[in-house]
Protein backbone atom coordinates (compact mmCIF):
# COMPACT_ATOMS: atom_id res chain seq x y z
CA MET A 1 18.20 4.48 9.21
CA ASP A 2 14.82 6.19 8.85
CA GLY A 3 16.03 9.26 10.74
CA ALA A 4 17.77 7.38 13.57
CA ARG A 5 21.38 8.14 14.38
CA GLU A 6 23.61 5.58 12.65
CA GLU A 7 26.21 5.56 15.43
CA VAL A 8 23.63 4.58 18.05
CA ARG A 9 22.30 1.51 16.23
CA PRO A 10 19.13 1.34 18.37
CA TRP A 11 17.30 -1.93 18.80
CA ALA A 12 13.62 -2.55 18.16
CA LEU A 13 11.50 -4.44 20.69
CA VAL A 14 8.28 -6.04 19.45
CA THR A 15 5.72 -7.71 21.71
CA GLY A 16 3.32 -10.29 20.35
CA ALA A 17 6.04 -11.00 17.81
CA SER A 18 5.17 -14.65 17.21
CA ALA A 19 2.43 -13.99 14.66
CA GLY A 20 0.46 -11.49 12.60
CA ILE A 21 1.26 -7.79 12.78
CA GLY A 22 3.91 -8.41 15.43
CA SER A 23 5.99 -10.76 13.30
CA GLY A 24 5.41 -8.47 10.35
CA TYR A 25 6.87 -5.52 12.25
CA ALA A 26 9.86 -7.61 13.35
CA ARG A 27 10.66 -8.43 9.72
CA PHE A 28 9.93 -4.86 8.58
CA LEU A 29 12.28 -3.30 11.13
CA ALA A 30 15.02 -5.87 10.62
CA ALA A 31 14.94 -5.12 6.90
CA ARG A 32 15.69 -1.51 7.80
CA GLY A 33 18.74 -2.41 9.80
CA TYR A 34 17.31 -2.52 13.32
CA PRO A 35 18.44 -5.41 15.51
CA VAL A 36 15.30 -6.80 17.10
CA ILE A 37 14.13 -8.18 20.43
CA LEU A 38 11.23 -10.59 19.94
CA VAL A 39 8.79 -10.95 22.83
CA ALA A 40 5.93 -13.46 23.05
CA ARG A 41 4.93 -16.50 25.09
CA ARG A 42 5.87 -19.15 22.52
CA LEU A 43 9.63 -19.61 22.38
CA ASP A 44 9.45 -22.06 19.48
CA ARG A 45 7.67 -19.52 17.30
CA LEU A 46 10.13 -16.82 18.29
CA GLU A 47 13.11 -19.00 17.45
CA THR A 48 11.67 -19.85 14.05
CA LEU A 49 11.08 -16.18 13.30
CA ALA A 50 14.54 -15.25 14.56
CA ALA A 51 16.14 -17.82 12.27
CA ASP A 52 14.18 -16.48 9.29
CA ILE A 53 15.20 -12.90 10.06
CA GLU A 54 18.87 -13.73 10.59
CA GLN A 55 18.94 -15.65 7.33
CA ALA A 56 17.38 -12.75 5.42
CA GLN A 57 18.99 -9.77 7.17
CA ASP A 58 22.39 -8.95 8.64
CA VAL A 59 21.04 -7.99 12.08
CA CYS A 60 21.12 -9.41 15.58
CA VAL A 61 17.96 -10.99 16.98
CA ARG A 62 17.11 -11.81 20.59
CA CYS A 63 14.25 -14.05 21.68
CA CYS A 64 12.64 -13.15 25.01
CA PRO A 65 9.79 -15.51 25.90
CA CYS A 66 7.56 -13.65 28.33
CA ASP A 67 3.98 -13.93 29.53
CA LEU A 68 2.90 -10.31 29.62
CA ALA A 69 0.02 -11.25 31.93
CA ASP A 70 2.61 -11.79 34.66
CA PRO A 71 3.67 -8.41 36.16
CA LYS A 72 6.88 -9.91 37.58
CA ALA A 73 7.82 -11.27 34.16
CA VAL A 74 7.23 -7.89 32.52
CA THR A 75 9.34 -6.15 35.16
CA ALA A 76 12.08 -8.73 34.70
CA LEU A 77 11.95 -8.20 30.95
CA ALA A 78 12.18 -4.41 31.30
CA GLU A 79 15.07 -4.64 33.74
CA SER A 80 16.98 -7.20 31.64
CA ILE A 81 17.29 -5.00 28.56
CA ASP A 82 20.92 -3.95 28.31
CA VAL A 83 20.92 -2.49 24.80
CA PRO A 84 19.66 0.90 23.53
CA VAL A 85 16.08 0.41 22.35
CA GLY A 86 14.96 3.05 19.88
CA VAL A 87 11.77 1.41 18.60
CA LEU A 88 9.04 -0.14 20.74
CA VAL A 89 6.06 -1.89 19.16
CA ASN A 90 3.43 -2.83 21.75
CA ASN A 91 1.44 -5.33 19.72
CA ALA A 92 0.41 -8.14 22.09
CA GLY A 93 -3.31 -8.57 22.67
CA TYR A 94 -6.22 -10.99 22.68
CA ALA A 95 -9.95 -11.28 23.44
CA ILE A 96 -12.13 -13.31 25.81
CA GLU A 97 -15.28 -15.16 24.76
CA GLU A 98 -17.21 -15.14 28.00
CA TYR A 99 -19.04 -12.12 29.31
CA PHE A 100 -17.34 -10.04 31.99
CA LEU A 101 -19.60 -11.26 34.80
CA GLU A 102 -19.24 -14.89 33.70
CA THR A 103 -15.48 -15.02 34.20
CA ASP A 104 -13.24 -15.11 37.24
CA TRP A 105 -11.26 -12.00 38.08
CA THR A 106 -7.91 -13.59 37.23
CA THR A 107 -9.01 -14.01 33.61
CA GLN A 108 -9.97 -10.35 33.32
CA ARG A 109 -6.92 -9.18 35.25
CA ASP A 110 -4.64 -11.03 32.82
CA LEU A 111 -6.32 -9.22 29.93
CA LEU A 112 -5.71 -5.88 31.64
CA GLU A 113 -2.08 -6.75 32.28
CA VAL A 114 -1.41 -7.68 28.64
CA MET A 115 -3.34 -4.92 26.91
CA ALA A 116 -3.04 -2.00 29.36
CA ILE A 117 -0.33 -2.40 31.97
CA ALA A 118 2.44 -4.09 29.97
CA PRO A 119 2.51 -1.46 27.18
CA LEU A 120 2.69 1.32 29.77
CA ARG A 121 5.35 -0.50 31.79
CA LEU A 122 7.56 -1.02 28.75
CA SER A 123 7.01 2.53 27.54
CA GLN A 124 7.97 3.95 30.91
CA ALA A 125 11.06 1.74 31.04
CA LEU A 126 12.31 2.46 27.52
CA ALA A 127 11.19 6.00 26.65
CA PRO A 128 13.68 7.77 28.97
CA GLY A 129 16.58 6.21 27.07
CA MET A 130 15.03 7.34 23.80
CA VAL A 131 14.72 10.87 25.16
CA GLU A 132 18.33 10.83 26.32
CA ARG A 133 19.47 9.81 22.83
CA GLY A 134 17.15 12.32 21.16
CA TRP A 135 15.30 9.80 18.99
CA GLY A 136 12.69 7.10 19.44
CA ARG A 137 9.55 5.58 18.00
CA ILE A 138 6.73 3.88 19.94
CA ILE A 139 3.88 2.20 18.08
CA ASN A 140 0.95 0.94 20.15
CA VAL A 141 -1.09 -1.46 18.04
CA ALA A 142 -4.66 -0.66 19.05
CA SER A 143 -7.65 -1.34 16.82
CA LEU A 144 -10.56 0.18 14.95
CA ALA A 145 -12.50 -1.34 17.85
CA ALA A 146 -11.34 1.67 19.89
CA PHE A 147 -13.85 3.80 17.98
CA VAL A 148 -16.84 1.45 17.62
CA PRO A 149 -19.58 0.59 20.15
CA GLU A 150 -18.42 -1.64 22.99
CA THR A 151 -19.31 -5.31 22.70
CA PRO A 152 -21.51 -6.30 25.68
CA GLY A 153 -19.43 -7.89 28.43
CA SER A 154 -16.08 -7.51 26.64
CA LEU A 155 -13.13 -5.40 27.73
CA TYR A 156 -11.44 -5.65 24.31
CA SER A 157 -12.82 -2.41 22.90
CA PRO A 158 -12.35 -0.43 26.16
CA MET A 159 -8.73 -1.65 26.34
CA LYS A 160 -8.06 -0.52 22.79
CA SER A 161 -9.63 2.86 23.59
CA PHE A 162 -7.39 3.02 26.66
CA MET A 163 -4.36 2.34 24.46
CA VAL A 164 -5.31 5.16 22.07
CA ALA A 165 -5.80 7.62 24.92
CA ASN A 166 -2.51 6.68 26.53
CA SER A 167 -0.70 6.98 23.21
CA ARG A 168 -1.96 10.55 22.96
CA MET A 169 -0.96 11.22 26.54
CA LEU A 170 2.58 9.95 26.09
CA SER A 171 2.97 11.62 22.70
CA ARG A 172 2.19 14.98 24.26
CA GLU A 173 4.48 14.39 27.22
CA LEU A 174 7.32 13.60 24.79
CA ALA A 175 6.66 16.49 22.43
CA GLY A 176 9.89 18.13 21.31
CA THR A 177 12.14 15.29 22.51
CA GLY A 178 12.53 13.51 19.19
CA VAL A 179 10.44 10.59 20.46
CA HIS A 180 7.18 9.96 18.62
CA VAL A 181 4.23 7.85 19.80
CA THR A 182 1.46 6.55 17.54
CA ALA A 183 -1.62 4.42 18.19
CA LEU A 184 -2.04 2.21 15.13
CA CYS A 185 -5.70 1.25 14.70
CA PRO A 186 -6.19 -1.32 11.94
CA GLY A 187 -9.53 -2.87 11.15
CA PHE A 188 -9.88 -6.49 10.04
CA THR A 189 -6.46 -7.62 8.79
CA ARG A 190 -5.59 -10.88 7.07
CA THR A 191 -3.42 -12.73 9.58
CA GLU A 192 -3.69 -16.04 11.43
CA PHE A 193 -5.24 -14.12 14.34
CA HIS A 194 -8.80 -15.22 13.55
CA ASP A 195 -7.72 -18.81 12.98
CA VAL A 196 -6.23 -18.86 16.47
CA LEU A 197 -9.33 -17.19 17.88
CA GLY A 198 -11.51 -19.80 16.21
CA ASN A 199 -13.87 -17.42 14.40
CA ARG A 200 -12.44 -17.70 10.88
CA GLU A 201 -15.69 -19.02 9.38
CA GLU A 202 -17.67 -16.16 10.87
CA VAL A 203 -15.36 -13.34 9.78
CA ASP A 204 -14.90 -14.81 6.31
CA ARG A 205 -18.56 -14.04 5.68
CA MET A 206 -17.78 -10.33 5.98
CA PRO A 207 -17.50 -8.34 2.72
CA GLY A 208 -14.04 -8.24 1.16
CA TRP A 209 -13.79 -4.44 1.31
CA MET A 210 -13.57 -4.63 5.10
CA TRP A 211 -10.31 -6.60 4.97
CA GLY A 212 -6.77 -5.28 4.72
CA GLU A 213 -3.36 -6.90 4.31
CA VAL A 214 -0.60 -6.89 6.92
CA GLU A 215 2.12 -5.10 4.97
CA PRO A 216 0.11 -1.93 4.19
CA VAL A 217 -0.93 -1.73 7.86
CA ILE A 218 2.69 -1.95 8.97
CA GLN A 219 3.83 0.64 6.45
CA ALA A 220 1.02 3.01 7.38
CA GLY A 221 1.89 2.75 11.07
CA TRP A 222 5.57 3.42 10.43
CA ALA A 223 4.86 6.38 8.17
CA ALA A 224 2.55 7.81 10.85
CA VAL A 225 5.03 7.46 13.71
CA GLU A 226 7.80 8.96 11.59
CA LYS A 227 5.58 11.99 11.01
CA GLY A 228 4.64 12.22 14.68
CA ARG A 229 0.94 11.47 14.16
CA GLU A 230 -0.78 10.39 17.36
CA VAL A 231 -3.37 8.11 15.75
CA CYS A 232 -3.22 6.14 12.50
CA VAL A 233 -6.27 4.41 11.01
CA PRO A 234 -5.13 2.62 7.83
CA ARG A 235 -7.38 2.31 4.77
CA LEU A 236 -10.18 4.60 3.65
CA ALA A 237 -12.90 2.09 4.59
CA ASN A 238 -11.75 2.08 8.22
CA ARG A 239 -11.56 5.85 8.36
CA VAL A 240 -15.14 6.07 7.04
CA ILE A 241 -16.29 3.63 9.72
CA ARG A 242 -14.53 5.66 12.39
CA MET A 243 -16.15 8.87 11.18
CA ALA A 244 -19.58 7.24 11.00
CA MET A 245 -19.26 5.97 14.56
CA SER A 246 -18.27 9.42 15.80
CA VAL A 247 -21.55 10.96 14.59
CA MET A 248 -23.87 7.99 15.14
CA PRO A 249 -26.33 8.58 18.02
CA GLU A 250 -25.73 6.41 21.06
CA TRP A 251 -29.20 4.89 20.93
CA ILE A 252 -28.42 3.50 17.47
CA GLN A 253 -25.00 2.24 18.57
CA ARG A 254 -26.58 0.29 21.40
CA ARG A 255 -28.79 -1.57 18.91
CA LEU A 256 -26.02 -2.67 16.59
CA PRO A 257 -25.40 -6.46 16.44
CA HIS A 258 -22.41 -7.81 18.37
CA THR A 259 -20.38 -11.00 18.39
CA ARG A 260 -18.35 -12.71 21.09
CA ARG A 261 -14.81 -14.01 20.66
CA PRO A 262 -13.12 -17.08 22.16
CA ASP A 263 -10.16 -16.86 24.50
CA ARG A 264 -7.35 -18.47 22.49
CA ARG A 265 -4.33 -16.23 22.65
CA PRO A 266 -1.92 -16.21 19.69
């Protein structure tokens, strides 16, 4: 089972599992024999995915509807897990259209809870069990946005940078334990994400070479975490962009065009 101990039969927990990369990882891991815990806000979507997985694979599936913006709900989720979790995929995330100073604090706090606090809370809750069993995999789905200039008034890019930094931190804390942590940083990926966000027409005007498919992103992230790589940027085009941003002077970065994204969480 991809290096895991057969007798343990660890579970995989995937947040943001109702769509896109999250649902893709749920199917990917189930196909490799991992029973899965599906976490997202929309129970109906989770139940549909669970039925599809159970029909295709001989694994157990649990649906755990949870609003990760609610700290009490996240704590309840972490404390309710009564099975050995060997794979954690922190995938949930979204963006806000309005500028930082145009929004109320609750809106921004919810973003921080989903994209910063919840992944850390779940990692802290589940990693000790992985260490005890001598095997575990944590994939934090960040973004190429972690390496590009920050969009004015948006916390999306800073939160993805935060996720990358914390993946490195945890990876180094867990070195030698058999538990690997990887920040997966895809660029534009063909999912329903942009349909839900409402900017499909805008992003479809981007050149085709900037787009990747879900399955290669998932495979790249899994290969990276198996090898113990701290950061994975799938596709050559994205790696070139990352490299270009790392050497681009700040005064040029500040003059690059930016777009704003609506707040419609998948």
